[in-house]
Amino acid sequence: MTDHHTHATHPDIVKRLKRANGHLQSVIAMIEGNRPCTDIAQQLHAVEKAILQAKRTLIQDHIDHCLDEAIVGTGDTSAVADFKAITKYL
């Protein structure tokens, strides 16, 4: 099952990833500016959390909508394989 649909959560995910990208640019500048490692680690942690949350939101949305529609709407049992495939990214 290949899904190319836009979901209600996609704009939020893009916003989160853009924010994470901004934080990542700050981290690079901090490293180049010889900022304390503790400060850099704190910012890296924020980037990591933002990306993890974006990934979880994307996967949860996929499970909630795409798989439900595939199984309930069409009876397509290949959705089980799709579910197994996406859960490896959790």
PDB file of N, CA and C in Angstrom:
ATOM      1  N   MET A   1       0.838  -1.174   0.000  1.00  0.00           N
ATOM      2  CA  MET A   1       0.000   0.000   0.000  1.00  0.00           C
ATOM      3  C   MET A   1       0.883   1.237   0.000  1.00  0.00           C
ATOM      4  N   THR A   2       0.730   2.075  -0.962  1.00  0.00           N
ATOM      5  CA  THR A   2       1.486   3.308  -1.036  1.00  0.00           C
ATOM      6  C   THR A   2       0.536   4.461  -0.801  1.00  0.00           C
ATOM      7  N   ASP A   3       0.901   5.342   0.114  1.00  0.00           N
ATOM      8  CA  ASP A   3       0.015   6.433   0.473  1.00  0.00           C
ATOM      9  C   ASP A   3       0.689   7.749   0.162  1.00  0.00           C
ATOM     10  N   HIS A   4       0.057   8.542  -0.680  1.00  0.00           N
ATOM     11  CA  HIS A   4       0.603   9.840  -1.043  1.00  0.00           C
ATOM     12  C   HIS A   4      -0.377  10.946  -0.681  1.00  0.00           C
ATOM     13  N   HIS A   5      -1.211  10.700   0.313  1.00  0.00           N
ATOM     14  CA  HIS A   5      -2.221  11.669   0.694  1.00  0.00           C
ATOM     15  C   HIS A   5      -1.672  12.628   1.746  1.00  0.00           C
ATOM     16  N   THR A   6      -2.170  13.851   1.703  1.00  0.00           N
ATOM     17  CA  THR A   6      -1.839  14.811   2.740  1.00  0.00           C
ATOM     18  C   THR A   6      -2.827  14.624   3.878  1.00  0.00           C
ATOM     19  N   HIS A   7      -2.341  14.646   5.080  1.00  0.00           N
ATOM     20  CA  HIS A   7      -3.190  14.461   6.248  1.00  0.00           C
ATOM     21  C   HIS A   7      -3.226  15.744   7.059  1.00  0.00           C
ATOM     22  N   ALA A   8      -4.186  15.839   7.934  1.00  0.00           N
ATOM     23  CA  ALA A   8      -4.360  17.038   8.747  1.00  0.00           C
ATOM     24  C   ALA A   8      -3.117  17.351   9.576  1.00  0.00           C
ATOM     25  N   THR A   9      -2.358  16.336   9.942  1.00  0.00           N
ATOM     26  CA  THR A   9      -1.178  16.564  10.784  1.00  0.00           C
ATOM     27  C   THR A   9       0.051  16.997   9.990  1.00  0.00           C
ATOM     28  N   HIS A  10       0.031  16.869   8.675  1.00  0.00           N
ATOM     29  CA  HIS A  10       1.232  17.190   7.893  1.00  0.00           C
ATOM     30  C   HIS A  10       1.719  18.624   8.076  1.00  0.00           C
ATOM     31  N   PRO A  11       0.846  19.640   8.083  1.00  0.00           N
ATOM     32  CA  PRO A  11       1.358  21.003   8.318  1.00  0.00           C
ATOM     33  C   PRO A  11       2.049  21.139   9.679  1.00  0.00           C
ATOM     34  N   ASP A  12       1.518  20.467  10.698  1.00  0.00           N
ATOM     35  CA  ASP A  12       2.135  20.506  12.026  1.00  0.00           C
ATOM     36  C   ASP A  12       3.496  19.823  12.001  1.00  0.00           C
ATOM     37  N   ILE A  13       3.585  18.725  11.291  1.00  0.00           N
ATOM     38  CA  ILE A  13       4.852  18.001  11.186  1.00  0.00           C
ATOM     39  C   ILE A  13       5.884  18.864  10.472  1.00  0.00           C
ATOM     40  N   VAL A  14       5.477  19.520   9.391  1.00  0.00           N
ATOM     41  CA  VAL A  14       6.397  20.410   8.660  1.00  0.00           C
ATOM     42  C   VAL A  14       6.865  21.534   9.578  1.00  0.00           C
ATOM     43  N   LYS A  15       5.951  22.108  10.348  1.00  0.00           N
ATOM     44  CA  LYS A  15       6.305  23.185  11.277  1.00  0.00           C
ATOM     45  C   LYS A  15       7.330  22.695  12.302  1.00  0.00           C
ATOM     46  N   ARG A  16       7.099  21.515  12.846  1.00  0.00           N
ATOM     47  CA  ARG A  16       8.039  20.943  13.822  1.00  0.00           C
ATOM     48  C   ARG A  16       9.420  20.720  13.195  1.00  0.00           C
ATOM     49  N   LEU A  17       9.434  20.202  11.980  1.00  0.00           N
ATOM     50  CA  LEU A  17      10.713  19.923  11.316  1.00  0.00           C
ATOM     51  C   LEU A  17      11.449  21.208  10.951  1.00  0.00           C
ATOM     52  N   LYS A  18      10.717  22.237  10.568  1.00  0.00           N
ATOM     53  CA  LYS A  18      11.361  23.524  10.290  1.00  0.00           C
ATOM     54  C   LYS A  18      11.960  24.107  11.570  1.00  0.00           C
ATOM     55  N   ARG A  19      11.236  23.954  12.668  1.00  0.00           N
ATOM     56  CA  ARG A  19      11.755  24.422  13.956  1.00  0.00           C
ATOM     57  C   ARG A  19      13.011  23.636  14.326  1.00  0.00           C
ATOM     58  N   ALA A  20      12.972  22.318  14.138  1.00  0.00           N
ATOM     59  CA  ALA A  20      14.134  21.480  14.428  1.00  0.00           C
ATOM     60  C   ALA A  20      15.309  21.872  13.540  1.00  0.00           C
ATOM     61  N   ASN A  21      15.022  22.186  12.278  1.00  0.00           N
ATOM     62  CA  ASN A  21      16.074  22.614  11.360  1.00  0.00           C
ATOM     63  C   ASN A  21      16.715  23.918  11.846  1.00  0.00           C
ATOM     64  N   GLY A  22      15.920  24.838  12.330  1.00  0.00           N
ATOM     65  CA  GLY A  22      16.450  26.081  12.886  1.00  0.00           C
ATOM     66  C   GLY A  22      17.337  25.826  14.092  1.00  0.00           C
ATOM     67  N   HIS A  23      16.874  24.915  14.965  1.00  0.00           N
ATOM     68  CA  HIS A  23      17.686  24.553  16.133  1.00  0.00           C
ATOM     69  C   HIS A  23      18.992  23.902  15.702  1.00  0.00           C
ATOM     70  N   LEU A  24      18.922  23.075  14.683  1.00  0.00           N
ATOM     71  CA  LEU A  24      20.126  22.403  14.205  1.00  0.00           C
ATOM     72  C   LEU A  24      21.131  23.407  13.636  1.00  0.00           C
ATOM     73  N   GLN A  25      20.635  24.401  12.917  1.00  0.00           N
ATOM     74  CA  GLN A  25      21.518  25.462  12.418  1.00  0.00           C
ATOM     75  C   GLN A  25      22.176  26.198  13.593  1.00  0.00           C
ATOM     76  N   SER A  26      21.412  26.404  14.666  1.00  0.00           N
ATOM     77  CA  SER A  26      21.969  27.049  15.869  1.00  0.00           C
ATOM     78  C   SER A  26      23.059  26.191  16.489  1.00  0.00           C
ATOM     79  N   VAL A  27      22.843  24.887  16.513  1.00  0.00           N
ATOM     80  CA  VAL A  27      23.834  23.972  17.079  1.00  0.00           C
ATOM     81  C   VAL A  27      25.132  24.061  16.289  1.00  0.00           C
ATOM     82  N   ILE A  28      25.021  24.075  14.975  1.00  0.00           N
ATOM     83  CA  ILE A  28      26.218  24.183  14.131  1.00  0.00           C
ATOM     84  C   ILE A  28      26.961  25.479  14.438  1.00  0.00           C
ATOM     85  N   ALA A  29      26.210  26.579  14.544  1.00  0.00           N
ATOM     86  CA  ALA A  29      26.832  27.867  14.863  1.00  0.00           C
ATOM     87  C   ALA A  29      27.475  27.836  16.249  1.00  0.00           C
ATOM     88  N   MET A  30      26.841  27.159  17.190  1.00  0.00           N
ATOM     89  CA  MET A  30      27.386  27.057  18.550  1.00  0.00           C
ATOM     90  C   MET A  30      28.705  26.290  18.533  1.00  0.00           C
ATOM     91  N   ILE A  31      28.751  25.203  17.765  1.00  0.00           N
ATOM     92  CA  ILE A  31      29.981  24.413  17.679  1.00  0.00           C
ATOM     93  C   ILE A  31      31.088  25.240  17.036  1.00  0.00           C
ATOM     94  N   GLU A  32      30.741  25.907  15.937  1.00  0.00           N
ATOM     95  CA  GLU A  32      31.732  26.739  15.251  1.00  0.00           C
ATOM     96  C   GLU A  32      32.176  27.918  16.115  1.00  0.00           C
ATOM     97  N   GLY A  33      31.304  28.353  17.025  1.00  0.00           N
ATOM     98  CA  GLY A  33      31.640  29.454  17.920  1.00  0.00           C
ATOM     99  C   GLY A  33      32.266  29.011  19.231  1.00  0.00           C
ATOM    100  N   ASN A  34      32.606  27.720  19.307  1.00  0.00           N
ATOM    101  CA  ASN A  34      33.263  27.170  20.502  1.00  0.00           C
ATOM    102  C   ASN A  34      32.469  27.391  21.783  1.00  0.00           C
ATOM    103  N   ARG A  35      31.155  27.248  21.691  1.00  0.00           N
ATOM    104  CA  ARG A  35      30.301  27.363  22.877  1.00  0.00           C
ATOM    105  C   ARG A  35      30.507  26.149  23.774  1.00  0.00           C
ATOM    106  N   PRO A  36      30.154  26.259  25.042  1.00  0.00           N
ATOM    107  CA  PRO A  36      30.334  25.135  25.972  1.00  0.00           C
ATOM    108  C   PRO A  36      29.565  23.889  25.510  1.00  0.00           C
ATOM    109  N   CYS A  37      30.178  22.747  25.707  1.00  0.00           N
ATOM    110  CA  CYS A  37      29.578  21.481  25.282  1.00  0.00           C
ATOM    111  C   CYS A  37      28.224  21.230  25.940  1.00  0.00           C
ATOM    112  N   THR A  38      28.066  21.666  27.167  1.00  0.00           N
ATOM    113  CA  THR A  38      26.778  21.492  27.852  1.00  0.00           C
ATOM    114  C   THR A  38      25.671  22.232  27.116  1.00  0.00           C
ATOM    115  N   ASP A  39      25.941  23.451  26.672  1.00  0.00           N
ATOM    116  CA  ASP A  39      24.955  24.224  25.910  1.00  0.00           C
ATOM    117  C   ASP A  39      24.629  23.535  24.589  1.00  0.00           C
ATOM    118  N   ILE A  40      25.662  23.024  23.938  1.00  0.00           N
ATOM    119  CA  ILE A  40      25.478  22.346  22.648  1.00  0.00           C
ATOM    120  C   ILE A  40      24.649  21.078  22.834  1.00  0.00           C
ATOM    121  N   ALA A  41      24.964  20.309  23.863  1.00  0.00           N
ATOM    122  CA  ALA A  41      24.232  19.073  24.133  1.00  0.00           C
ATOM    123  C   ALA A  41      22.766  19.358  24.422  1.00  0.00           C
ATOM    124  N   GLN A  42      22.503  20.442  25.136  1.00  0.00           N
ATOM    125  CA  GLN A  42      21.127  20.822  25.443  1.00  0.00           C
ATOM    126  C   GLN A  42      20.353  21.135  24.156  1.00  0.00           C
ATOM    127  N   GLN A  43      20.968  21.859  23.249  1.00  0.00           N
ATOM    128  CA  GLN A  43      20.321  22.190  21.983  1.00  0.00           C
ATOM    129  C   GLN A  43      20.146  20.946  21.106  1.00  0.00           C
ATOM    130  N   LEU A  44      21.133  20.071  21.100  1.00  0.00           N
ATOM    131  CA  LEU A  44      21.008  18.823  20.345  1.00  0.00           C
ATOM    132  C   LEU A  44      19.858  17.977  20.881  1.00  0.00           C
ATOM    133  N   HIS A  45      19.707  17.987  22.192  1.00  0.00           N
ATOM    134  CA  HIS A  45      18.605  17.252  22.821  1.00  0.00           C
ATOM    135  C   HIS A  45      17.260  17.815  22.352  1.00  0.00           C
ATOM    136  N   ALA A  46      17.159  19.126  22.242  1.00  0.00           N
ATOM    137  CA  ALA A  46      15.926  19.766  21.770  1.00  0.00           C
ATOM    138  C   ALA A  46      15.635  19.378  20.322  1.00  0.00           C
ATOM    139  N   VAL A  47      16.672  19.335  19.489  1.00  0.00           N
ATOM    140  CA  VAL A  47      16.509  18.927  18.088  1.00  0.00           C
ATOM    141  C   VAL A  47      16.032  17.479  18.029  1.00  0.00           C
ATOM    142  N   GLU A  48      16.677  16.642  18.800  1.00  0.00           N
ATOM    143  CA  GLU A  48      16.330  15.227  18.816  1.00  0.00           C
ATOM    144  C   GLU A  48      14.877  15.015  19.231  1.00  0.00           C
ATOM    145  N   LYS A  49      14.435  15.711  20.272  1.00  0.00           N
ATOM    146  CA  LYS A  49      13.054  15.589  20.736  1.00  0.00           C
ATOM    147  C   LYS A  49      12.066  16.075  19.680  1.00  0.00           C
ATOM    148  N   ALA A  50      12.388  17.168  19.001  1.00  0.00           N
ATOM    149  CA  ALA A  50      11.496  17.713  17.978  1.00  0.00           C
ATOM    150  C   ALA A  50      11.339  16.740  16.814  1.00  0.00           C
ATOM    151  N   ILE A  51      12.434  16.138  16.396  1.00  0.00           N
ATOM    152  CA  ILE A  51      12.386  15.185  15.289  1.00  0.00           C
ATOM    153  C   ILE A  51      11.639  13.913  15.712  1.00  0.00           C
ATOM    154  N   LEU A  52      11.891  13.445  16.910  1.00  0.00           N
ATOM    155  CA  LEU A  52      11.206  12.260  17.411  1.00  0.00           C
ATOM    156  C   LEU A  52       9.698  12.494  17.472  1.00  0.00           C
ATOM    157  N   GLN A  53       9.289  13.659  17.950  1.00  0.00           N
ATOM    158  CA  GLN A  53       7.857  13.966  18.037  1.00  0.00           C
ATOM    159  C   GLN A  53       7.241  14.057  16.642  1.00  0.00           C
ATOM    160  N   ALA A  54       7.951  14.639  15.703  1.00  0.00           N
ATOM    161  CA  ALA A  54       7.445  14.719  14.329  1.00  0.00           C
ATOM    162  C   ALA A  54       7.272  13.319  13.752  1.00  0.00           C
ATOM    163  N   LYS A  55       8.240  12.453  13.993  1.00  0.00           N
ATOM    164  CA  LYS A  55       8.155  11.079  13.488  1.00  0.00           C
ATOM    165  C   LYS A  55       6.992  10.342  14.122  1.00  0.00           C
ATOM    166  N   ARG A  56       6.832  10.475  15.423  1.00  0.00           N
ATOM    167  CA  ARG A  56       5.730   9.800  16.113  1.00  0.00           C
ATOM    168  C   ARG A  56       4.377  10.286  15.608  1.00  0.00           C
ATOM    169  N   THR A  57       4.258  11.591  15.393  1.00  0.00           N
ATOM    170  CA  THR A  57       3.009  12.155  14.887  1.00  0.00           C
ATOM    171  C   THR A  57       2.696  11.595  13.509  1.00  0.00           C
ATOM    172  N   LEU A  58       3.693  11.542  12.650  1.00  0.00           N
ATOM    173  CA  LEU A  58       3.512  11.009  11.300  1.00  0.00           C
ATOM    174  C   LEU A  58       3.068   9.549  11.339  1.00  0.00           C
ATOM    175  N   ILE A  59       3.745   8.738  12.124  1.00  0.00           N
ATOM    176  CA  ILE A  59       3.428   7.314  12.192  1.00  0.00           C
ATOM    177  C   ILE A  59       2.055   7.101  12.821  1.00  0.00           C
ATOM    178  N   GLN A  60       1.751   7.825  13.882  1.00  0.00           N
ATOM    179  CA  GLN A  60       0.447   7.678  14.529  1.00  0.00           C
ATOM    180  C   GLN A  60      -0.670   8.066  13.576  1.00  0.00           C
ATOM    181  N   ASP A  61      -0.469   9.146  12.825  1.00  0.00           N
ATOM    182  CA  ASP A  61      -1.456   9.575  11.843  1.00  0.00           C
ATOM    183  C   ASP A  61      -1.657   8.497  10.785  1.00  0.00           C
ATOM    184  N   HIS A  62      -0.562   7.909  10.351  1.00  0.00           N
ATOM    185  CA  HIS A  62      -0.636   6.852   9.348  1.00  0.00           C
ATOM    186  C   HIS A  62      -1.440   5.663   9.878  1.00  0.00           C
ATOM    187  N   ILE A  63      -1.139   5.275  11.101  1.00  0.00           N
ATOM    188  CA  ILE A  63      -1.845   4.144  11.700  1.00  0.00           C
ATOM    189  C   ILE A  63      -3.327   4.479  11.885  1.00  0.00           C
ATOM    190  N   ASP A  64      -3.614   5.659  12.395  1.00  0.00           N
ATOM    191  CA  ASP A  64      -4.997   6.047  12.680  1.00  0.00           C
ATOM    192  C   ASP A  64      -5.850   6.196  11.434  1.00  0.00           C
ATOM    193  N   HIS A  65      -5.270   6.697  10.354  1.00  0.00           N
ATOM    194  CA  HIS A  65      -6.083   7.011   9.187  1.00  0.00           C
ATOM    195  C   HIS A  65      -5.869   6.063   8.013  1.00  0.00           C
ATOM    196  N   CYS A  66      -4.665   5.952   7.563  1.00  0.00           N
ATOM    197  CA  CYS A  66      -4.399   5.157   6.358  1.00  0.00           C
ATOM    198  C   CYS A  66      -4.733   3.681   6.554  1.00  0.00           C
ATOM    199  N   LEU A  67      -4.292   3.125   7.664  1.00  0.00           N
ATOM    200  CA  LEU A  67      -4.525   1.702   7.865  1.00  0.00           C
ATOM    201  C   LEU A  67      -5.990   1.417   8.146  1.00  0.00           C
ATOM    202  N   ASP A  68      -6.625   2.276   8.936  1.00  0.00           N
ATOM    203  CA  ASP A  68      -8.057   2.105   9.190  1.00  0.00           C
ATOM    204  C   ASP A  68      -8.847   2.126   7.894  1.00  0.00           C
ATOM    205  N   GLU A  69      -8.549   3.104   7.043  1.00  0.00           N
ATOM    206  CA  GLU A  69      -9.262   3.225   5.770  1.00  0.00           C
ATOM    207  C   GLU A  69      -9.031   2.002   4.894  1.00  0.00           C
ATOM    208  N   ALA A  70      -7.804   1.517   4.882  1.00  0.00           N
ATOM    209  CA  ALA A  70      -7.479   0.369   4.038  1.00  0.00           C
ATOM    210  C   ALA A  70      -8.206  -0.891   4.499  1.00  0.00           C
ATOM    211  N   ILE A  71      -8.231  -1.105   5.795  1.00  0.00           N
ATOM    212  CA  ILE A  71      -8.838  -2.329   6.323  1.00  0.00           C
ATOM    213  C   ILE A  71     -10.363  -2.220   6.328  1.00  0.00           C
ATOM    214  N   VAL A  72     -10.888  -1.140   6.870  1.00  0.00           N
ATOM    215  CA  VAL A  72     -12.335  -0.982   6.982  1.00  0.00           C
ATOM    216  C   VAL A  72     -12.961  -0.661   5.634  1.00  0.00           C
ATOM    217  N   GLY A  73     -12.366   0.258   4.910  1.00  0.00           N
ATOM    218  CA  GLY A  73     -12.956   0.721   3.655  1.00  0.00           C
ATOM    219  C   GLY A  73     -12.896  -0.283   2.533  1.00  0.00           C
ATOM    220  N   THR A  74     -11.791  -1.032   2.452  1.00  0.00           N
ATOM    221  CA  THR A  74     -11.619  -1.915   1.300  1.00  0.00           C
ATOM    222  C   THR A  74     -11.435  -3.377   1.686  1.00  0.00           C
ATOM    223  N   GLY A  75     -11.215  -3.622   2.960  1.00  0.00           N
ATOM    224  CA  GLY A  75     -10.926  -4.990   3.375  1.00  0.00           C
ATOM    225  C   GLY A  75      -9.547  -5.445   2.935  1.00  0.00           C
ATOM    226  N   ASP A  76      -8.689  -4.499   2.593  1.00  0.00           N
ATOM    227  CA  ASP A  76      -7.349  -4.794   2.080  1.00  0.00           C
ATOM    228  C   ASP A  76      -6.459  -5.274   3.223  1.00  0.00           C
ATOM    229  N   THR A  77      -6.162  -6.544   3.240  1.00  0.00           N
ATOM    230  CA  THR A  77      -5.335  -7.095   4.310  1.00  0.00           C
ATOM    231  C   THR A  77      -3.852  -6.793   4.129  1.00  0.00           C
ATOM    232  N   SER A  78      -3.455  -6.220   2.979  1.00  0.00           N
ATOM    233  CA  SER A  78      -2.053  -5.841   2.816  1.00  0.00           C
ATOM    234  C   SER A  78      -1.687  -4.709   3.777  1.00  0.00           C
ATOM    235  N   ALA A  79      -2.708  -4.091   4.388  1.00  0.00           N
ATOM    236  CA  ALA A  79      -2.457  -3.047   5.374  1.00  0.00           C
ATOM    237  C   ALA A  79      -1.670  -3.588   6.560  1.00  0.00           C
ATOM    238  N   VAL A  80      -1.815  -4.860   6.851  1.00  0.00           N
ATOM    239  CA  VAL A  80      -1.061  -5.472   7.953  1.00  0.00           C
ATOM    240  C   VAL A  80       0.430  -5.423   7.634  1.00  0.00           C
ATOM    241  N   ALA A  81       0.799  -5.712   6.409  1.00  0.00           N
ATOM    242  CA  ALA A  81       2.204  -5.633   6.003  1.00  0.00           C
ATOM    243  C   ALA A  81       2.702  -4.199   6.088  1.00  0.00           C
ATOM    244  N   ASP A  82       1.847  -3.257   5.705  1.00  0.00           N
ATOM    245  CA  ASP A  82       2.198  -1.846   5.788  1.00  0.00           C
ATOM    246  C   ASP A  82       2.417  -1.442   7.244  1.00  0.00           C
ATOM    247  N   PHE A  83       1.560  -1.910   8.130  1.00  0.00           N
ATOM    248  CA  PHE A  83       1.696  -1.626   9.555  1.00  0.00           C
ATOM    249  C   PHE A  83       3.021  -2.160  10.076  1.00  0.00           C
ATOM    250  N   LYS A  84       3.346  -3.382   9.721  1.00  0.00           N
ATOM    251  CA  LYS A  84       4.625  -3.967  10.152  1.00  0.00           C
ATOM    252  C   LYS A  84       5.807  -3.174   9.605  1.00  0.00           C
ATOM    253  N   ALA A  85       5.685  -2.710   8.386  1.00  0.00           N
ATOM    254  CA  ALA A  85       6.777  -1.950   7.768  1.00  0.00           C
ATOM    255  C   ALA A  85       7.004  -0.619   8.474  1.00  0.00           C
ATOM    256  N   ILE A  86       5.931   0.097   8.802  1.00  0.00           N
ATOM    257  CA  ILE A  86       6.112   1.425   9.405  1.00  0.00           C
ATOM    258  C   ILE A  86       6.528   1.341  10.866  1.00  0.00           C
ATOM    259  N   THR A  87       6.151   0.266  11.571  1.00  0.00           N
ATOM    260  CA  THR A  87       6.506   0.184  12.979  1.00  0.00           C
ATOM    261  C   THR A  87       8.013  -0.004  13.203  1.00  0.00           C
ATOM    262  N   LYS A  88       8.753  -0.378  12.187  1.00  0.00           N
ATOM    263  CA  LYS A  88      10.205  -0.506  12.378  1.00  0.00           C
ATOM    264  C   LYS A  88      10.849   0.851  12.639  1.00  0.00           C
ATOM    265  N   TYR A  89      10.130   1.927  12.337  1.00  0.00           N
ATOM    266  CA  TYR A  89      10.664   3.279  12.558  1.00  0.00           C
ATOM    267  C   TYR A  89      10.309   3.844  13.925  1.00  0.00           C
ATOM    268  N   LEU A  90       9.565   3.085  14.722  1.00  0.00           N
ATOM    269  CA  LEU A  90       9.207   3.566  16.059  1.00  0.00           C
ATOM    270  C   LEU A  90      10.396   3.529  16.981  1.00  0.00           C
TER     271      LEU A  90
END
